Amino acid sequence: MDRAETYRTYIQQLLAERAERSRQSPSQVEAQTVFDTERDHYQLVYVGWKRNGLRDYGCLLHLDIKDDKIWIQYDGTEGGIANKLVELGVPKHDIVLGFHPLEVRPHTEFAVS
């Protein structure tokens, strides 16, 4: 399996696990995974109604694969999906924290672009 295919598998696995944990809660908010494997865009979104009657919709995670690197476009988790990817064996130089401005990225442990 090539690197991009391995990264697709890891991303889909992590997003599916996170969605499954959400499904086990009694909430009326549904976690949905969105996998565009042709263009390598992956999201975990929440959609539904809160107990107080307010609408809940939003993206919790958005990742892309570009040039054989994982770009984290948005990460609304506490622990950070980058750390989960590293635990799976993805080298930090293959992970771009795309939610940081370009001038900030050199000061992280991860790839600049």
PDB file of N, CA and C in Angstrom:
ATOM      1  N   MET A   1       0.856  -1.179   0.000  1.00  0.00           N
ATOM      2  CA  MET A   1       0.000   0.000   0.000  1.00  0.00           C
ATOM      3  C   MET A   1       0.903   1.244   0.000  1.00  0.00           C
ATOM      4  N   ASP A   2       0.606   2.196  -0.896  1.00  0.00           N
ATOM      5  CA  ASP A   2       1.427   3.403  -0.942  1.00  0.00           C
ATOM      6  C   ASP A   2       1.084   4.341   0.210  1.00  0.00           C
ATOM      7  N   ARG A   3       1.911   5.346   0.380  1.00  0.00           N
ATOM      8  CA  ARG A   3       1.773   6.252   1.517  1.00  0.00           C
ATOM      9  C   ARG A   3       0.417   6.958   1.537  1.00  0.00           C
ATOM     10  N   ALA A   4      -0.025   7.479   0.401  1.00  0.00           N
ATOM     11  CA  ALA A   4      -1.313   8.186   0.360  1.00  0.00           C
ATOM     12  C   ALA A   4      -2.452   7.249   0.750  1.00  0.00           C
ATOM     13  N   GLU A   5      -2.406   6.022   0.275  1.00  0.00           N
ATOM     14  CA  GLU A   5      -3.461   5.059   0.615  1.00  0.00           C
ATOM     15  C   GLU A   5      -3.430   4.729   2.109  1.00  0.00           C
ATOM     16  N   THR A   6      -2.250   4.602   2.669  1.00  0.00           N
ATOM     17  CA  THR A   6      -2.122   4.375   4.113  1.00  0.00           C
ATOM     18  C   THR A   6      -2.717   5.546   4.880  1.00  0.00           C
ATOM     19  N   TYR A   7      -2.422   6.768   4.446  1.00  0.00           N
ATOM     20  CA  TYR A   7      -2.942   7.946   5.127  1.00  0.00           C
ATOM     21  C   TYR A   7      -4.464   8.029   5.000  1.00  0.00           C
ATOM     22  N   ARG A   8      -5.012   7.663   3.851  1.00  0.00           N
ATOM     23  CA  ARG A   8      -6.471   7.623   3.690  1.00  0.00           C
ATOM     24  C   ARG A   8      -7.089   6.685   4.728  1.00  0.00           C
ATOM     25  N   THR A   9      -6.489   5.522   4.852  1.00  0.00           N
ATOM     26  CA  THR A   9      -6.997   4.527   5.801  1.00  0.00           C
ATOM     27  C   THR A   9      -6.953   5.064   7.226  1.00  0.00           C
ATOM     28  N   TYR A  10      -5.841   5.670   7.619  1.00  0.00           N
ATOM     29  CA  TYR A  10      -5.708   6.214   8.973  1.00  0.00           C
ATOM     30  C   TYR A  10      -6.744   7.305   9.240  1.00  0.00           C
ATOM     31  N   ILE A  11      -6.894   8.220   8.297  1.00  0.00           N
ATOM     32  CA  ILE A  11      -7.837   9.329   8.477  1.00  0.00           C
ATOM     33  C   ILE A  11      -9.260   8.803   8.600  1.00  0.00           C
ATOM     34  N   GLN A  12      -9.650   7.923   7.704  1.00  0.00           N
ATOM     35  CA  GLN A  12     -11.003   7.372   7.749  1.00  0.00           C
ATOM     36  C   GLN A  12     -11.237   6.617   9.054  1.00  0.00           C
ATOM     37  N   GLN A  13     -10.241   5.876   9.495  1.00  0.00           N
ATOM     38  CA  GLN A  13     -10.353   5.129  10.749  1.00  0.00           C
ATOM     39  C   GLN A  13     -10.564   6.071  11.930  1.00  0.00           C
ATOM     40  N   LEU A  14      -9.748   7.113  12.030  1.00  0.00           N
ATOM     41  CA  LEU A  14      -9.853   8.045  13.154  1.00  0.00           C
ATOM     42  C   LEU A  14     -11.176   8.800  13.154  1.00  0.00           C
ATOM     43  N   LEU A  15     -11.631   9.250  11.985  1.00  0.00           N
ATOM     44  CA  LEU A  15     -12.897   9.969  11.917  1.00  0.00           C
ATOM     45  C   LEU A  15     -14.072   9.045  12.224  1.00  0.00           C
ATOM     46  N   ALA A  16     -14.024   7.817  11.736  1.00  0.00           N
ATOM     47  CA  ALA A  16     -15.098   6.854  12.006  1.00  0.00           C
ATOM     48  C   ALA A  16     -15.156   6.505  13.492  1.00  0.00           C
ATOM     49  N   GLU A  17     -14.001   6.345  14.127  1.00  0.00           N
ATOM     50  CA  GLU A  17     -13.972   6.059  15.567  1.00  0.00           C
ATOM     51  C   GLU A  17     -14.575   7.212  16.357  1.00  0.00           C
ATOM     52  N   ARG A  18     -14.220   8.421  15.981  1.00  0.00           N
ATOM     53  CA  ARG A  18     -14.752   9.601  16.683  1.00  0.00           C
ATOM     54  C   ARG A  18     -16.266   9.702  16.493  1.00  0.00           C
ATOM     55  N   ALA A  19     -16.743   9.435  15.286  1.00  0.00           N
ATOM     56  CA  ALA A  19     -18.181   9.471  15.009  1.00  0.00           C
ATOM     57  C   ALA A  19     -18.905   8.397  15.812  1.00  0.00           C
ATOM     58  N   GLU A  20     -18.316   7.226  15.915  1.00  0.00           N
ATOM     59  CA  GLU A  20     -18.944   6.126  16.660  1.00  0.00           C
ATOM     60  C   GLU A  20     -19.064   6.471  18.138  1.00  0.00           C
ATOM     61  N   ARG A  21     -18.056   7.096  18.710  1.00  0.00           N
ATOM     62  CA  ARG A  21     -18.149   7.515  20.120  1.00  0.00           C
ATOM     63  C   ARG A  21     -19.307   8.489  20.307  1.00  0.00           C
ATOM     64  N   SER A  22     -19.513   9.366  19.350  1.00  0.00           N
ATOM     65  CA  SER A  22     -20.610  10.334  19.438  1.00  0.00           C
ATOM     66  C   SER A  22     -21.961   9.642  19.328  1.00  0.00           C
ATOM     67  N   ARG A  23     -22.035   8.609  18.497  1.00  0.00           N
ATOM     68  CA  ARG A  23     -23.302   7.889  18.320  1.00  0.00           C
ATOM     69  C   ARG A  23     -23.728   7.163  19.592  1.00  0.00           C
ATOM     70  N   GLN A  24     -22.791   6.852  20.452  1.00  0.00           N
ATOM     71  CA  GLN A  24     -23.105   6.130  21.676  1.00  0.00           C
ATOM     72  C   GLN A  24     -23.674   7.041  22.752  1.00  0.00           C
ATOM     73  N   SER A  25     -23.631   8.344  22.545  1.00  0.00           N
ATOM     74  CA  SER A  25     -24.196   9.276  23.517  1.00  0.00           C
ATOM     75  C   SER A  25     -25.683   9.476  23.212  1.00  0.00           C
ATOM     76  N   PRO A  26     -26.466   9.855  24.225  1.00  0.00           N
ATOM     77  CA  PRO A  26     -27.915  10.004  24.020  1.00  0.00           C
ATOM     78  C   PRO A  26     -28.315  11.299  23.309  1.00  0.00           C
ATOM     79  N   SER A  27     -27.390  12.009  22.756  1.00  0.00           N
ATOM     80  CA  SER A  27     -27.651  13.293  22.109  1.00  0.00           C
ATOM     81  C   SER A  27     -28.482  13.125  20.838  1.00  0.00           C
ATOM     82  N   GLN A  28     -29.189  14.194  20.468  1.00  0.00           N
ATOM     83  CA  GLN A  28     -29.921  14.216  19.204  1.00  0.00           C
ATOM     84  C   GLN A  28     -29.063  14.822  18.093  1.00  0.00           C
ATOM     85  N   VAL A  29     -27.812  15.068  18.404  1.00  0.00           N
ATOM     86  CA  VAL A  29     -26.877  15.589  17.413  1.00  0.00           C
ATOM     87  C   VAL A  29     -26.128  14.403  16.813  1.00  0.00           C
ATOM     88  N   GLU A  30     -26.162  14.316  15.494  1.00  0.00           N
ATOM     89  CA  GLU A  30     -25.552  13.190  14.792  1.00  0.00           C
ATOM     90  C   GLU A  30     -24.170  13.569  14.268  1.00  0.00           C
ATOM     91  N   ALA A  31     -23.228  12.664  14.446  1.00  0.00           N
ATOM     92  CA  ALA A  31     -21.896  12.837  13.867  1.00  0.00           C
ATOM     93  C   ALA A  31     -21.887  12.151  12.508  1.00  0.00           C
ATOM     94  N   GLN A  32     -21.471  12.884  11.486  1.00  0.00           N
ATOM     95  CA  GLN A  32     -21.436  12.333  10.130  1.00  0.00           C
ATOM     96  C   GLN A  32     -20.023  12.438   9.571  1.00  0.00           C
ATOM     97  N   THR A  33     -19.565  11.342   8.981  1.00  0.00           N
ATOM     98  CA  THR A  33     -18.276  11.372   8.294  1.00  0.00           C
ATOM     99  C   THR A  33     -18.518  11.677   6.827  1.00  0.00           C
ATOM    100  N   VAL A  34     -17.652  12.497   6.268  1.00  0.00           N
ATOM    101  CA  VAL A  34     -17.719  12.853   4.852  1.00  0.00           C
ATOM    102  C   VAL A  34     -16.358  12.506   4.251  1.00  0.00           C
ATOM    103  N   PHE A  35     -16.347  11.485   3.387  1.00  0.00           N
ATOM    104  CA  PHE A  35     -15.102  11.016   2.781  1.00  0.00           C
ATOM    105  C   PHE A  35     -15.164  11.208   1.270  1.00  0.00           C
ATOM    106  N   ASP A  36     -14.360  12.105   0.739  1.00  0.00           N
ATOM    107  CA  ASP A  36     -14.208  12.280  -0.707  1.00  0.00           C
ATOM    108  C   ASP A  36     -12.853  11.685  -1.073  1.00  0.00           C
ATOM    109  N   THR A  37     -12.847  10.397  -1.382  1.00  0.00           N
ATOM    110  CA  THR A  37     -11.588   9.693  -1.634  1.00  0.00           C
ATOM    111  C   THR A  37     -10.999  10.013  -3.003  1.00  0.00           C
ATOM    112  N   GLU A  38     -11.801  10.558  -3.912  1.00  0.00           N
ATOM    113  CA  GLU A  38     -11.264  10.962  -5.220  1.00  0.00           C
ATOM    114  C   GLU A  38     -10.401  12.212  -5.104  1.00  0.00           C
ATOM    115  N   ARG A  39     -10.846  13.155  -4.293  1.00  0.00           N
ATOM    116  CA  ARG A  39     -10.133  14.428  -4.147  1.00  0.00           C
ATOM    117  C   ARG A  39      -9.389  14.533  -2.819  1.00  0.00           C
ATOM    118  N   ASP A  40      -9.500  13.482  -2.007  1.00  0.00           N
ATOM    119  CA  ASP A  40      -8.819  13.393  -0.713  1.00  0.00           C
ATOM    120  C   ASP A  40      -9.203  14.506   0.256  1.00  0.00           C
ATOM    121  N   HIS A  41     -10.515  14.689   0.440  1.00  0.00           N
ATOM    122  CA  HIS A  41     -11.051  15.593   1.457  1.00  0.00           C
ATOM    123  C   HIS A  41     -11.836  14.744   2.455  1.00  0.00           C
ATOM    124  N   TYR A  42     -11.621  15.002   3.752  1.00  0.00           N
ATOM    125  CA  TYR A  42     -12.248  14.190   4.798  1.00  0.00           C
ATOM    126  C   TYR A  42     -12.725  15.111   5.913  1.00  0.00           C
ATOM    127  N   GLN A  43     -13.991  14.904   6.337  1.00  0.00           N
ATOM    128  CA  GLN A  43     -14.549  15.750   7.389  1.00  0.00           C
ATOM    129  C   GLN A  43     -15.374  14.923   8.369  1.00  0.00           C
ATOM    130  N   LEU A  44     -15.449  15.444   9.579  1.00  0.00           N
ATOM    131  CA  LEU A  44     -16.396  14.950  10.571  1.00  0.00           C
ATOM    132  C   LEU A  44     -17.244  16.152  10.950  1.00  0.00           C
ATOM    133  N   VAL A  45     -18.543  16.059  10.685  1.00  0.00           N
ATOM    134  CA  VAL A  45     -19.446  17.172  10.976  1.00  0.00           C
ATOM    135  C   VAL A  45     -20.521  16.716  11.952  1.00  0.00           C
ATOM    136  N   TYR A  46     -21.051  17.671  12.691  1.00  0.00           N
ATOM    137  CA  TYR A  46     -22.161  17.427  13.601  1.00  0.00           C
ATOM    138  C   TYR A  46     -23.385  18.143  13.067  1.00  0.00           C
ATOM    139  N   VAL A  47     -24.518  17.455  13.115  1.00  0.00           N
ATOM    140  CA  VAL A  47     -25.768  18.047  12.650  1.00  0.00           C
ATOM    141  C   VAL A  47     -26.908  17.512  13.514  1.00  0.00           C
ATOM    142  N   GLY A  48     -27.807  18.410  13.924  1.00  0.00           N
ATOM    143  CA  GLY A  48     -28.945  17.984  14.736  1.00  0.00           C
ATOM    144  C   GLY A  48     -29.438  19.114  15.619  1.00  0.00           C
ATOM    145  N   TRP A  49     -30.093  18.711  16.686  1.00  0.00           N
ATOM    146  CA  TRP A  49     -30.701  19.669  17.602  1.00  0.00           C
ATOM    147  C   TRP A  49     -30.210  19.418  19.018  1.00  0.00           C
ATOM    148  N   LYS A  50     -29.853  20.488  19.692  1.00  0.00           N
ATOM    149  CA  LYS A  50     -29.443  20.391  21.091  1.00  0.00           C
ATOM    150  C   LYS A  50     -30.679  20.227  21.963  1.00  0.00           C
ATOM    151  N   ARG A  51     -30.467  19.819  23.186  1.00  0.00           N
ATOM    152  CA  ARG A  51     -31.588  19.624  24.124  1.00  0.00           C
ATOM    153  C   ARG A  51     -32.348  20.921  24.384  1.00  0.00           C
ATOM    154  N   ASN A  52     -31.660  22.056  24.267  1.00  0.00           N
ATOM    155  CA  ASN A  52     -32.315  23.342  24.519  1.00  0.00           C
ATOM    156  C   ASN A  52     -33.090  23.858  23.305  1.00  0.00           C
ATOM    157  N   GLY A  53     -33.168  23.032  22.252  1.00  0.00           N
ATOM    158  CA  GLY A  53     -33.939  23.396  21.076  1.00  0.00           C
ATOM    159  C   GLY A  53     -33.177  24.168  20.015  1.00  0.00           C
ATOM    160  N   LEU A  54     -31.912  24.433  20.256  1.00  0.00           N
ATOM    161  CA  LEU A  54     -31.111  25.162  19.276  1.00  0.00           C
ATOM    162  C   LEU A  54     -30.493  24.202  18.267  1.00  0.00           C
ATOM    163  N   ARG A  55     -30.366  24.673  17.056  1.00  0.00           N
ATOM    164  CA  ARG A  55     -29.762  23.882  15.981  1.00  0.00           C
ATOM    165  C   ARG A  55     -28.259  23.770  16.212  1.00  0.00           C
ATOM    166  N   ASP A  56     -27.723  22.595  15.964  1.00  0.00           N
ATOM    167  CA  ASP A  56     -26.282  22.384  16.080  1.00  0.00           C
ATOM    168  C   ASP A  56     -25.771  21.865  14.747  1.00  0.00           C
ATOM    169  N   TYR A  57     -24.841  22.584  14.170  1.00  0.00           N
ATOM    170  CA  TYR A  57     -24.217  22.151  12.927  1.00  0.00           C
ATOM    171  C   TYR A  57     -22.810  22.708  12.899  1.00  0.00           C
ATOM    172  N   GLY A  58     -21.876  21.877  12.547  1.00  0.00           N
ATOM    173  CA  GLY A  58     -20.516  22.380  12.416  1.00  0.00           C
ATOM    174  C   GLY A  58     -19.524  21.288  12.104  1.00  0.00           C
ATOM    175  N   CYS A  59     -18.400  21.726  11.644  1.00  0.00           N
ATOM    176  CA  CYS A  59     -17.303  20.830  11.297  1.00  0.00           C
ATOM    177  C   CYS A  59     -16.396  20.689  12.514  1.00  0.00           C
ATOM    178  N   LEU A  60     -16.150  19.455  12.937  1.00  0.00           N
ATOM    179  CA  LEU A  60     -15.232  19.203  14.037  1.00  0.00           C
ATOM    180  C   LEU A  60     -13.822  18.929  13.518  1.00  0.00           C
ATOM    181  N   LEU A  61     -13.730  18.230  12.396  1.00  0.00           N
ATOM    182  CA  LEU A  61     -12.433  17.895  11.807  1.00  0.00           C
ATOM    183  C   LEU A  61     -12.495  18.006  10.293  1.00  0.00           C
ATOM    184  N   HIS A  62     -11.453  18.565   9.706  1.00  0.00           N
ATOM    185  CA  HIS A  62     -11.343  18.642   8.244  1.00  0.00           C
ATOM    186  C   HIS A  62      -9.883  18.378   7.891  1.00  0.00           C
ATOM    187  N   LEU A  63      -9.670  17.308   7.140  1.00  0.00           N
ATOM    188  CA  LEU A  63      -8.325  16.937   6.705  1.00  0.00           C
ATOM    189  C   LEU A  63      -8.311  16.719   5.205  1.00  0.00           C
ATOM    190  N   ASP A  64      -7.197  17.035   4.587  1.00  0.00           N
ATOM    191  CA  ASP A  64      -6.980  16.775   3.167  1.00  0.00           C
ATOM    192  C   ASP A  64      -5.653  16.041   3.018  1.00  0.00           C
ATOM    193  N   ILE A  65      -5.509  15.331   1.920  1.00  0.00           N
ATOM    194  CA  ILE A  65      -4.209  14.784   1.538  1.00  0.00           C
ATOM    195  C   ILE A  65      -3.786  15.518   0.276  1.00  0.00           C
ATOM    196  N   LYS A  66      -2.642  16.208   0.375  1.00  0.00           N
ATOM    197  CA  LYS A  66      -2.095  16.948  -0.765  1.00  0.00           C
ATOM    198  C   LYS A  66      -0.607  16.649  -0.852  1.00  0.00           C
ATOM    199  N   ASP A  67      -0.163  16.258  -2.031  1.00  0.00           N
ATOM    200  CA  ASP A  67       1.260  15.977  -2.251  1.00  0.00           C
ATOM    201  C   ASP A  67       1.815  14.988  -1.225  1.00  0.00           C
ATOM    202  N   ASP A  68       1.040  13.939  -0.953  1.00  0.00           N
ATOM    203  CA  ASP A  68       1.431  12.871  -0.017  1.00  0.00           C
ATOM    204  C   ASP A  68       1.626  13.350   1.416  1.00  0.00           C
ATOM    205  N   LYS A  69       1.020  14.474   1.757  1.00  0.00           N
ATOM    206  CA  LYS A  69       1.045  14.953   3.137  1.00  0.00           C
ATOM    207  C   LYS A  69      -0.386  15.130   3.625  1.00  0.00           C
ATOM    208  N   ILE A  70      -0.559  14.971   4.924  1.00  0.00           N
ATOM    209  CA  ILE A  70      -1.865  15.188   5.538  1.00  0.00           C
ATOM    210  C   ILE A  70      -1.938  16.645   5.978  1.00  0.00           C
ATOM    211  N   TRP A  71      -2.907  17.356   5.429  1.00  0.00           N
ATOM    212  CA  TRP A  71      -3.150  18.747   5.798  1.00  0.00           C
ATOM    213  C   TRP A  71      -4.337  18.780   6.754  1.00  0.00           C
ATOM    214  N   ILE A  72      -4.114  19.247   7.960  1.00  0.00           N
ATOM    215  CA  ILE A  72      -5.206  19.410   8.919  1.00  0.00           C
ATOM    216  C   ILE A  72      -5.717  20.835   8.751  1.00  0.00           C
ATOM    217  N   GLN A  73      -6.868  20.957   8.098  1.00  0.00           N
ATOM    218  CA  GLN A  73      -7.439  22.275   7.801  1.00  0.00           C
ATOM    219  C   GLN A  73      -8.187  22.847   9.003  1.00  0.00           C
ATOM    220  N   TYR A  74      -8.796  21.952   9.785  1.00  0.00           N
ATOM    221  CA  TYR A  74      -9.503  22.385  10.991  1.00  0.00           C
ATOM    222  C   TYR A  74      -9.490  21.244  11.987  1.00  0.00           C
ATOM    223  N   ASP A  75      -9.235  21.558  13.242  1.00  0.00           N
ATOM    224  CA  ASP A  75      -9.244  20.557  14.307  1.00  0.00           C
ATOM    225  C   ASP A  75      -9.922  21.153  15.527  1.00  0.00           C
ATOM    226  N   GLY A  76     -11.151  20.730  15.775  1.00  0.00           N
ATOM    227  CA  GLY A  76     -11.906  21.213  16.919  1.00  0.00           C
ATOM    228  C   GLY A  76     -11.870  20.255  18.095  1.00  0.00           C
ATOM    229  N   THR A  77     -10.911  19.338  18.122  1.00  0.00           N
ATOM    230  CA  THR A  77     -10.812  18.373  19.218  1.00  0.00           C
ATOM    231  C   THR A  77      -9.870  18.901  20.294  1.00  0.00           C
ATOM    232  N   GLU A  78      -9.989  18.339  21.479  1.00  0.00           N
ATOM    233  CA  GLU A  78      -9.132  18.771  22.581  1.00  0.00           C
ATOM    234  C   GLU A  78      -7.716  18.217  22.457  1.00  0.00           C
ATOM    235  N   GLY A  79      -7.592  16.940  22.142  1.00  0.00           N
ATOM    236  CA  GLY A  79      -6.281  16.308  22.116  1.00  0.00           C
ATOM    237  C   GLY A  79      -5.500  16.530  20.843  1.00  0.00           C
ATOM    238  N   GLY A  80      -6.179  16.888  19.772  1.00  0.00           N
ATOM    239  CA  GLY A  80      -5.525  17.119  18.497  1.00  0.00           C
ATOM    240  C   GLY A  80      -5.370  15.855  17.685  1.00  0.00           C
ATOM    241  N   ILE A  81      -5.916  15.869  16.479  1.00  0.00           N
ATOM    242  CA  ILE A  81      -5.829  14.688  15.621  1.00  0.00           C
ATOM    243  C   ILE A  81      -4.403  14.465  15.129  1.00  0.00           C
ATOM    244  N   ALA A  82      -3.582  15.500  15.084  1.00  0.00           N
ATOM    245  CA  ALA A  82      -2.184  15.326  14.669  1.00  0.00           C
ATOM    246  C   ALA A  82      -1.481  14.333  15.589  1.00  0.00           C
ATOM    247  N   ASN A  83      -1.747  14.427  16.873  1.00  0.00           N
ATOM    248  CA  ASN A  83      -1.126  13.505  17.829  1.00  0.00           C
ATOM    249  C   ASN A  83      -1.587  12.071  17.598  1.00  0.00           C
ATOM    250  N   LYS A  84      -2.848  11.894  17.254  1.00  0.00           N
ATOM    251  CA  LYS A  84      -3.367  10.550  16.952  1.00  0.00           C
ATOM    252  C   LYS A  84      -2.691   9.987  15.708  1.00  0.00           C
ATOM    253  N   LEU A  85      -2.488  10.834  14.711  1.00  0.00           N
ATOM    254  CA  LEU A  85      -1.820  10.389  13.488  1.00  0.00           C
ATOM    255  C   LEU A  85      -0.375   9.979  13.772  1.00  0.00           C
ATOM    256  N   VAL A  86       0.303  10.736  14.614  1.00  0.00           N
ATOM    257  CA  VAL A  86       1.679  10.397  14.987  1.00  0.00           C
ATOM    258  C   VAL A  86       1.704   9.056  15.716  1.00  0.00           C
ATOM    259  N   GLU A  87       0.733   8.829  16.604  1.00  0.00           N
ATOM    260  CA  GLU A  87       0.644   7.547  17.315  1.00  0.00           C
ATOM    261  C   GLU A  87       0.480   6.378  16.348  1.00  0.00           C
ATOM    262  N   LEU A  88      -0.181   6.623  15.219  1.00  0.00           N
ATOM    263  CA  LEU A  88      -0.362   5.574  14.212  1.00  0.00           C
ATOM    264  C   LEU A  88       0.890   5.371  13.355  1.00  0.00           C
ATOM    265  N   GLY A  89       1.866   6.251  13.506  1.00  0.00           N
ATOM    266  CA  GLY A  89       3.110   6.091  12.763  1.00  0.00           C
ATOM    267  C   GLY A  89       3.356   7.099  11.659  1.00  0.00           C
ATOM    268  N   VAL A  90       2.485   8.101  11.530  1.00  0.00           N
ATOM    269  CA  VAL A  90       2.699   9.131  10.506  1.00  0.00           C
ATOM    270  C   VAL A  90       3.813  10.060  10.994  1.00  0.00           C
ATOM    271  N   PRO A  91       4.870  10.239  10.202  1.00  0.00           N
ATOM    272  CA  PRO A  91       5.937  11.152  10.621  1.00  0.00           C
ATOM    273  C   PRO A  91       5.442  12.602  10.665  1.00  0.00           C
ATOM    274  N   LYS A  92       5.946  13.355  11.614  1.00  0.00           N
ATOM    275  CA  LYS A  92       5.520  14.751  11.759  1.00  0.00           C
ATOM    276  C   LYS A  92       5.808  15.570  10.507  1.00  0.00           C
ATOM    277  N   HIS A  93       6.844  15.198   9.751  1.00  0.00           N
ATOM    278  CA  HIS A  93       7.156  15.955   8.534  1.00  0.00           C
ATOM    279  C   HIS A  93       6.159  15.674   7.402  1.00  0.00           C
ATOM    280  N   ASP A  94       5.209  14.765   7.633  1.00  0.00           N
ATOM    281  CA  ASP A  94       4.135  14.505   6.666  1.00  0.00           C
ATOM    282  C   ASP A  94       2.791  15.068   7.122  1.00  0.00           C
ATOM    283  N   ILE A  95       2.795  15.853   8.188  1.00  0.00           N
ATOM    284  CA  ILE A  95       1.566  16.455   8.713  1.00  0.00           C
ATOM    285  C   ILE A  95       1.727  17.968   8.690  1.00  0.00           C
ATOM    286  N   VAL A  96       0.791  18.653   8.036  1.00  0.00           N
ATOM    287  CA  VAL A  96       0.801  20.118   7.967  1.00  0.00           C
ATOM    288  C   VAL A  96      -0.380  20.636   8.777  1.00  0.00           C
ATOM    289  N   LEU A  97      -0.103  21.522   9.712  1.00  0.00           N
ATOM    290  CA  LEU A  97      -1.172  22.161  10.487  1.00  0.00           C
ATOM    291  C   LEU A  97      -1.670  23.352   9.679  1.00  0.00           C
ATOM    292  N   GLY A  98      -2.522  23.057   8.710  1.00  0.00           N
ATOM    293  CA  GLY A  98      -2.991  24.063   7.767  1.00  0.00           C
ATOM    294  C   GLY A  98      -3.816  25.171   8.391  1.00  0.00           C
ATOM    295  N   PHE A  99      -4.299  24.951   9.611  1.00  0.00           N
ATOM    296  CA  PHE A  99      -5.088  25.986  10.290  1.00  0.00           C
ATOM    297  C   PHE A  99      -4.192  27.076  10.873  1.00  0.00           C
ATOM    298  N   HIS A 100      -2.876  26.846  10.896  1.00  0.00           N
ATOM    299  CA  HIS A 100      -1.933  27.881  11.331  1.00  0.00           C
ATOM    300  C   HIS A 100      -1.471  28.685  10.118  1.00  0.00           C
ATOM    301  N   PRO A 101      -1.278  29.993  10.273  1.00  0.00           N
ATOM    302  CA  PRO A 101      -0.724  30.788   9.173  1.00  0.00           C
ATOM    303  C   PRO A 101       0.672  30.283   8.795  1.00  0.00           C
ATOM    304  N   LEU A 102       1.048  30.511   7.560  1.00  0.00           N
ATOM    305  CA  LEU A 102       2.329  30.033   7.043  1.00  0.00           C
ATOM    306  C   LEU A 102       3.506  30.465   7.917  1.00  0.00           C
ATOM    307  N   GLU A 103       3.457  31.685   8.434  1.00  0.00           N
ATOM    308  CA  GLU A 103       4.585  32.178   9.233  1.00  0.00           C
ATOM    309  C   GLU A 103       4.676  31.520  10.614  1.00  0.00           C
ATOM    310  N   VAL A 104       3.610  30.870  11.058  1.00  0.00           N
ATOM    311  CA  VAL A 104       3.614  30.189  12.357  1.00  0.00           C
ATOM    312  C   VAL A 104       4.109  28.745  12.226  1.00  0.00           C
ATOM    313  N   ARG A 105       3.865  28.127  11.102  1.00  0.00           N
ATOM    314  CA  ARG A 105       4.169  26.698  10.925  1.00  0.00           C
ATOM    315  C   ARG A 105       5.623  26.313  11.188  1.00  0.00           C
ATOM    316  N   PRO A 106       6.617  27.140  10.838  1.00  0.00           N
ATOM    317  CA  PRO A 106       7.996  26.734  11.136  1.00  0.00           C
ATOM    318  C   PRO A 106       8.275  26.578  12.634  1.00  0.00           C
ATOM    319  N   HIS A 107       7.424  27.154  13.466  1.00  0.00           N
ATOM    320  CA  HIS A 107       7.618  27.108  14.913  1.00  0.00           C
ATOM    321  C   HIS A 107       6.872  25.938  15.558  1.00  0.00           C
ATOM    322  N   THR A 108       6.272  25.083  14.728  1.00  0.00           N
ATOM    323  CA  THR A 108       5.623  23.872  15.234  1.00  0.00           C
ATOM    324  C   THR A 108       6.552  22.694  14.980  1.00  0.00           C
ATOM    325  N   GLU A 109       6.183  21.548  15.494  1.00  0.00           N
ATOM    326  CA  GLU A 109       6.973  20.328  15.280  1.00  0.00           C
ATOM    327  C   GLU A 109       6.641  19.670  13.944  1.00  0.00           C
ATOM    328  N   PHE A 110       5.718  20.268  13.196  1.00  0.00           N
ATOM    329  CA  PHE A 110       5.182  19.622  12.001  1.00  0.00           C
ATOM    330  C   PHE A 110       5.655  20.313  10.723  1.00  0.00           C
ATOM    331  N   ALA A 111       5.245  19.775   9.589  1.00  0.00           N
ATOM    332  CA  ALA A 111       5.664  20.298   8.284  1.00  0.00           C
ATOM    333  C   ALA A 111       5.127  21.711   8.056  1.00  0.00           C
ATOM    334  N   VAL A 112       5.849  22.475   7.253  1.00  0.00           N
ATOM    335  CA  VAL A 112       5.430  23.833   6.903  1.00  0.00           C
ATOM    336  C   VAL A 112       4.418  23.791   5.767  1.00  0.00           C
ATOM    337  N   SER A 113       4.675  22.957   4.771  1.00  0.00           N
ATOM    338  CA  SER A 113       3.738  22.784   3.648  1.00  0.00           C
ATOM    339  C   SER A 113       4.075  21.517   2.894  1.00  0.00           C
TER     340      SER A 113
END
